C-alpha atoms as a PDB file:
ATOM      1  CA  MET A   1      -5.729  17.398  23.458  1.00  0.00           C
ATOM      2  CA  PRO A   2      -4.898  13.913  21.518  1.00  0.00           C
ATOM      3  CA  SER A   3      -5.885  10.533  22.892  1.00  0.00           C
ATOM      4  CA  GLN A   4      -2.975   7.783  23.582  1.00  0.00           C
ATOM      5  CA  ASP A   5      -5.556   5.826  22.493  1.00  0.00           C
ATOM      6  CA  ASN A   6      -5.613   6.812  19.206  1.00  0.00           C
ATOM      7  CA  HIS A   7      -3.342   5.003  17.023  1.00  0.00           C
ATOM      8  CA  ILE A   8      -2.600   4.816  13.323  1.00  0.00           C
ATOM      9  CA  GLN A   9      -1.719   2.225  10.882  1.00  0.00           C
ATOM     10  CA  ILE A  10       0.093   2.087   7.726  1.00  0.00           C
ATOM     11  CA  ASP A  11       0.113  -0.301   4.648  1.00  0.00           C
ATOM     12  CA  ILE A  12       2.304  -0.032   1.626  1.00  0.00           C
ATOM     13  CA  GLU A  13       1.392  -2.418  -1.416  1.00  0.00           C
ATOM     14  CA  ALA A  14       4.550  -2.988  -3.444  1.00  0.00           C
ATOM     15  CA  LEU A  15       5.959  -4.908  -6.474  1.00  0.00           C
ATOM     16  CA  GLY A  16       9.258  -5.518  -4.476  1.00  0.00           C
ATOM     17  CA  VAL A  17      10.964  -5.487  -0.686  1.00  0.00           C
ATOM     18  CA  GLY A  18      13.595  -3.002  -1.255  1.00  0.00           C
ATOM     19  CA  ARG A  19      13.820   0.265  -0.677  1.00  0.00           C
ATOM     20  CA  ASP A  20      13.921   1.198  -4.465  1.00  0.00           C
ATOM     21  CA  CYS A  21      10.962  -0.466  -5.407  1.00  0.00           C
ATOM     22  CA  VAL A  22       7.705   0.562  -6.972  1.00  0.00           C
ATOM     23  CA  VAL A  23       5.138   1.278  -4.599  1.00  0.00           C
ATOM     24  CA  VAL A  24       1.135   0.707  -5.569  1.00  0.00           C
ATOM     25  CA  SER A  25      -0.609   1.894  -2.976  1.00  0.00           C
ATOM     26  CA  VAL A  26      -0.808   3.682   0.651  1.00  0.00           C
ATOM     27  CA  GLY A  27      -3.387   2.846   3.179  1.00  0.00           C
ATOM     28  CA  ALA A  28      -3.675   4.447   6.679  1.00  0.00           C
ATOM     29  CA  VAL A  29      -5.997   3.929   9.279  1.00  0.00           C
ATOM     30  CA  LYS A  30      -6.613   5.767  12.796  1.00  0.00           C
ATOM     31  CA  PHE A  31      -8.191   4.051  15.200  1.00  0.00           C
ATOM     32  CA  ASN A  32      -9.202   4.329  18.968  1.00  0.00           C
ATOM     33  CA  LEU A  33      -6.958   1.133  20.079  1.00  0.00           C
ATOM     34  CA  ASN A  34      -9.429   0.479  23.046  1.00  0.00           C
ATOM     35  CA  THR A  35     -12.831   1.010  21.529  1.00  0.00           C
ATOM     36  CA  GLY A  36     -12.012  -0.178  17.952  1.00  0.00           C
ATOM     37  CA  ASP A  37     -13.678   2.731  16.343  1.00  0.00           C
ATOM     38  CA  ILE A  38     -12.079   4.038  13.094  1.00  0.00           C
ATOM     39  CA  LEU A  39     -11.748   8.252  13.215  1.00  0.00           C
ATOM     40  CA  ASP A  40     -10.011   8.132   9.740  1.00  0.00           C
ATOM     41  CA  GLU A  41      -9.199   6.515   6.445  1.00  0.00           C
ATOM     42  CA  ARG A  42      -6.639   7.578   3.444  1.00  0.00           C
ATOM     43  CA  TYR A  43      -5.399   5.605   0.440  1.00  0.00           C
ATOM     44  CA  TRP A  44      -3.148   6.653  -2.209  1.00  0.00           C
ATOM     45  CA  GLU A  45      -2.888   4.884  -5.424  1.00  0.00           C
ATOM     46  CA  LEU A  46       0.575   5.732  -6.673  1.00  0.00           C
ATOM     47  CA  ASP A  47       1.610   6.104 -10.648  1.00  0.00           C
ATOM     48  CA  MET A  48       3.509   2.828 -10.915  1.00  0.00           C
ATOM     49  CA  HIS A  49       4.558   3.882 -14.925  1.00  0.00           C
ATOM     50  CA  GLU A  50       5.599   7.253 -13.183  1.00  0.00           C
ATOM     51  CA  GLN A  51       7.712   5.686 -10.478  1.00  0.00           C
ATOM     52  CA  GLN A  52       9.478   3.018 -13.396  1.00  0.00           C
ATOM     53  CA  THR A  53      10.308   6.141 -15.746  1.00  0.00           C
ATOM     54  CA  LYS A  54      10.674   9.174 -13.593  1.00  0.00           C
ATOM     55  CA  LEU A  55      11.952   7.673 -10.362  1.00  0.00           C
ATOM     56  CA  LYS A  56      13.869   4.461 -11.746  1.00  0.00           C
ATOM     57  CA  ARG A  57      12.285   2.147  -9.351  1.00  0.00           C
ATOM     58  CA  THR A  58      11.784  -1.565  -9.842  1.00  0.00           C
ATOM     59  CA  ILE A  59       9.906  -3.950  -9.823  1.00  0.00           C
ATOM     60  CA  ASP A  60      10.969  -7.912  -7.914  1.00  0.00           C
ATOM     61  CA  ALA A  61      10.122 -10.881 -10.112  1.00  0.00           C
ATOM     62  CA  HIS A  62      10.102 -12.857  -6.945  1.00  0.00           C
ATOM     63  CA  THR A  63       7.461 -10.292  -5.528  1.00  0.00           C
ATOM     64  CA  ILE A  64       5.278 -10.543  -9.167  1.00  0.00           C
ATOM     65  CA  THR A  65       5.455 -14.129  -8.762  1.00  0.00           C
ATOM     66  CA  TRP A  66       4.083 -13.878  -4.745  1.00  0.00           C
ATOM     67  CA  TRP A  67       1.136 -11.604  -6.045  1.00  0.00           C
ATOM     68  CA  SER A  68      -0.067 -13.642  -8.557  1.00  0.00           C
ATOM     69  CA  ASN A  69      -0.634 -16.297  -5.840  1.00  0.00           C
ATOM     70  CA  GLN A  70      -2.587 -14.351  -4.246  1.00  0.00           C
ATOM     71  CA  THR A  71      -7.002 -14.247  -4.669  1.00  0.00           C
ATOM     72  CA  ALA A  72      -8.804 -12.374  -7.252  1.00  0.00           C
ATOM     73  CA  ASP A  73      -9.864  -9.981  -3.894  1.00  0.00           C
ATOM     74  CA  THR A  74      -6.346  -8.729  -3.346  1.00  0.00           C
ATOM     75  CA  LEU A  75      -5.250  -8.444  -6.943  1.00  0.00           C
ATOM     76  CA  LYS A  76      -7.967  -5.867  -6.831  1.00  0.00           C
ATOM     77  CA  ALA A  77      -5.382  -3.433  -5.512  1.00  0.00           C
ATOM     78  CA  LEU A  78      -3.006  -4.132  -8.243  1.00  0.00           C
ATOM     79  CA  GLN A  79      -5.664  -4.368 -10.978  1.00  0.00           C
ATOM     80  CA  SER A  80      -7.007  -0.660 -10.504  1.00  0.00           C
ATOM     81  CA  ASN A  81      -3.835   1.141 -10.067  1.00  0.00           C
ATOM     82  CA  LYS A  82      -2.660   3.810 -12.594  1.00  0.00           C
ATOM     83  CA  ARG A  83      -0.440   2.024 -15.034  1.00  0.00           C
END
């Protein structure tokens, strides 16, 4: 039986705030809320070029400006992504 103490948190990195924006990556972690133990982790990088060409997803200029003001460590999520 699953524990009610186990939770999943999802992090989505995107190049916009609309529902049609390009999604760079999705991360998920399953953890125990009481103990802080991490039970499972997953990370997916999505193909940004394919999202733009095949799915007609968009990139927001304001979001690009926000990303450009982030630290080098934060930008690694974008730099390692498939183009």
